[in-house]
Protein backbone atom coordinates (compact mmCIF):
# COMPACT_ATOMS: atom_id res chain seq x y z
CA UNK A 1 27.45 1.58 20.07
CA UNK A 2 30.30 -0.57 21.15
CA UNK A 3 33.30 -0.80 18.84
CA UNK A 4 33.42 -4.52 19.61
CA UNK A 5 30.10 -5.04 17.82
CA UNK A 6 30.93 -2.78 14.90
CA UNK A 7 34.39 -4.23 14.41
CA UNK A 8 32.96 -7.69 13.73
CA UNK A 9 30.76 -6.59 10.83
CA UNK A 10 33.10 -6.47 7.82
CA UNK A 11 31.79 -8.07 4.64
CA UNK A 12 28.25 -6.74 4.52
CA UNK A 13 28.21 -3.08 5.45
CA UNK A 14 30.36 -0.11 4.59
CA UNK A 15 30.99 2.59 7.12
CA UNK A 16 33.60 5.33 6.91
CA UNK A 17 34.97 3.74 3.73
CA UNK A 18 35.70 0.48 5.52
CA UNK A 19 33.94 -2.81 4.97
CA UNK A 20 32.59 -4.43 8.12
CA UNK A 21 31.70 -8.09 8.57
CA UNK A 22 28.98 -9.80 10.54
CA UNK A 23 30.41 -12.93 12.05
CA UNK A 24 28.94 -16.39 11.62
CA UNK A 25 28.62 -17.76 15.13
CA UNK A 26 31.08 -20.56 15.82
CA UNK A 27 29.64 -23.92 16.84
CA UNK A 28 26.12 -22.53 16.77
CA UNK A 29 23.09 -24.13 15.17
CA UNK A 30 20.05 -22.33 13.82
CA UNK A 31 17.02 -23.15 11.70
CA UNK A 32 14.80 -20.72 9.80
CA UNK A 33 11.87 -21.38 7.49
CA UNK A 34 11.18 -19.16 4.50
CA UNK A 35 7.43 -18.92 3.99
CA UNK A 36 4.87 -17.32 1.73
CA UNK A 37 1.35 -17.30 3.14
CA UNK A 38 0.81 -20.94 4.18
CA UNK A 39 3.55 -22.38 1.97
CA UNK A 40 6.95 -23.25 3.45
CA UNK A 41 9.32 -22.47 0.59
CA UNK A 42 12.53 -23.71 2.11
CA UNK A 43 14.72 -24.11 5.15
CA UNK A 44 17.79 -22.06 5.97
CA UNK A 45 20.03 -23.63 8.57
CA UNK A 46 23.40 -23.15 10.17
CA UNK A 47 25.17 -26.30 11.23
CA UNK A 48 28.87 -26.67 12.09
CA UNK A 49 29.63 -23.20 10.64
CA UNK A 50 27.99 -24.05 7.30
CA UNK A 51 24.89 -22.27 6.04
CA UNK A 52 22.48 -24.47 4.09
CA UNK A 53 19.35 -23.70 2.08
CA UNK A 54 17.01 -26.32 0.62
CA UNK A 55 13.55 -26.13 -0.86
CA UNK A 56 10.79 -28.12 0.81
CA UNK A 57 8.94 -30.95 -0.92
CA UNK A 58 5.83 -28.80 -0.57
CA UNK A 59 7.46 -26.04 -2.65
CA UNK A 60 8.71 -28.51 -5.23
CA UNK A 61 5.14 -29.80 -5.78
CA UNK A 62 3.52 -26.40 -6.28
CA UNK A 63 3.54 -24.48 -9.57
CA UNK A 64 2.53 -20.89 -8.79
CA UNK A 65 5.82 -19.61 -7.27
CA UNK A 66 9.06 -19.69 -9.19
CA UNK A 67 12.39 -20.58 -7.55
CA UNK A 68 14.37 -17.79 -5.94
CA UNK A 69 16.87 -16.34 -8.41
CA UNK A 70 19.79 -16.99 -6.03
CA UNK A 71 18.70 -20.64 -5.69
CA UNK A 72 17.51 -21.61 -9.19
CA UNK A 73 17.68 -25.41 -8.95
CA UNK A 74 14.97 -26.66 -6.60
CA UNK A 75 16.53 -30.14 -6.40
CA UNK A 76 19.91 -28.98 -5.07
CA UNK A 77 20.67 -28.25 -1.41
CA UNK A 78 22.88 -25.14 -1.34
CA UNK A 79 25.79 -24.73 1.10
CA UNK A 80 28.16 -21.90 1.99
CA UNK A 81 30.52 -20.91 4.77
CA UNK A 82 29.03 -17.39 4.54
CA UNK A 83 25.43 -16.34 4.92
CA UNK A 84 23.85 -16.26 1.46
CA UNK A 85 23.42 -12.66 0.18
CA UNK A 86 19.69 -13.32 -0.33
CA UNK A 87 19.32 -13.65 3.44
CA UNK A 88 22.08 -11.22 4.45
CA UNK A 89 20.12 -8.38 2.85
CA UNK A 90 17.47 -8.88 5.52
CA UNK A 91 19.89 -7.50 8.09
CA UNK A 92 19.75 -3.69 8.09
CA UNK A 93 22.83 -1.50 8.13
CA UNK A 94 24.33 -1.26 11.58
CA UNK A 95 25.05 2.40 10.92
CA UNK A 96 21.33 3.23 11.21
CA UNK A 97 20.61 4.97 14.49
CA UNK A 98 17.50 2.93 15.25
CA UNK A 99 19.43 -0.30 14.73
CA UNK A 100 22.24 0.93 16.97
CA UNK A 101 19.70 1.70 19.71
CA UNK A 102 18.24 -1.79 19.49
CA UNK A 103 21.53 -3.70 19.64
CA UNK A 104 23.69 -1.42 21.80
CA UNK A 105 23.02 -3.36 25.00
CA UNK A 106 23.76 -6.77 23.54
CA UNK A 107 27.36 -7.63 22.65
CA UNK A 108 26.47 -11.09 21.32
CA UNK A 109 24.85 -10.10 18.05
CA UNK A 110 25.99 -12.18 15.09
CA UNK A 111 24.33 -13.28 11.85
CA UNK A 112 21.91 -15.63 13.59
CA UNK A 113 20.89 -13.12 16.25
CA UNK A 114 20.52 -10.34 13.68
CA UNK A 115 18.40 -12.53 11.39
CA UNK A 116 16.19 -13.48 14.32
CA UNK A 117 15.81 -9.82 15.33
CA UNK A 118 15.49 -8.13 11.92
CA UNK A 119 15.08 -10.82 9.24
CA UNK A 120 11.44 -11.83 9.48
CA UNK A 121 10.17 -9.26 6.96
CA UNK A 122 11.85 -7.77 3.93
CA UNK A 123 10.81 -4.81 1.82
CA UNK A 124 12.19 -6.50 -1.31
CA UNK A 125 9.96 -9.60 -1.28
CA UNK A 126 6.77 -10.88 0.38
CA UNK A 127 8.40 -13.89 2.06
CA UNK A 128 8.79 -14.28 5.81
CA UNK A 129 11.83 -15.79 7.50
CA UNK A 130 10.81 -17.47 10.74
CA UNK A 131 13.34 -18.70 13.29
CA UNK A 132 12.85 -22.09 14.96
């Protein structure tokens, strides 16, 4: 795998005792919906280098799912200049051989591209993250 790709992944993964970070794409926009069955829980978006997460009105009206621990207040839109850890954990380690095989021919992988490619399912929760 290209060193160019690996060198840009510093804050999320550790490899050879060095921390490597996945870059937030500059001047890129993206929208993802977090869903459970037919319920849209919330929207994750990237706009002007700021990640945002907000619950949908549909989620706020239901009473069978609790808020996500990382986003406890359903009335507050959350913002960060880094991808929230809750979503970053959906990106597998780039040191995995299968992941390296998948991304080795594409130098443009960043947080958005990696979430689109790997983030739909997670083994830690039943929610789906769908890119729009």
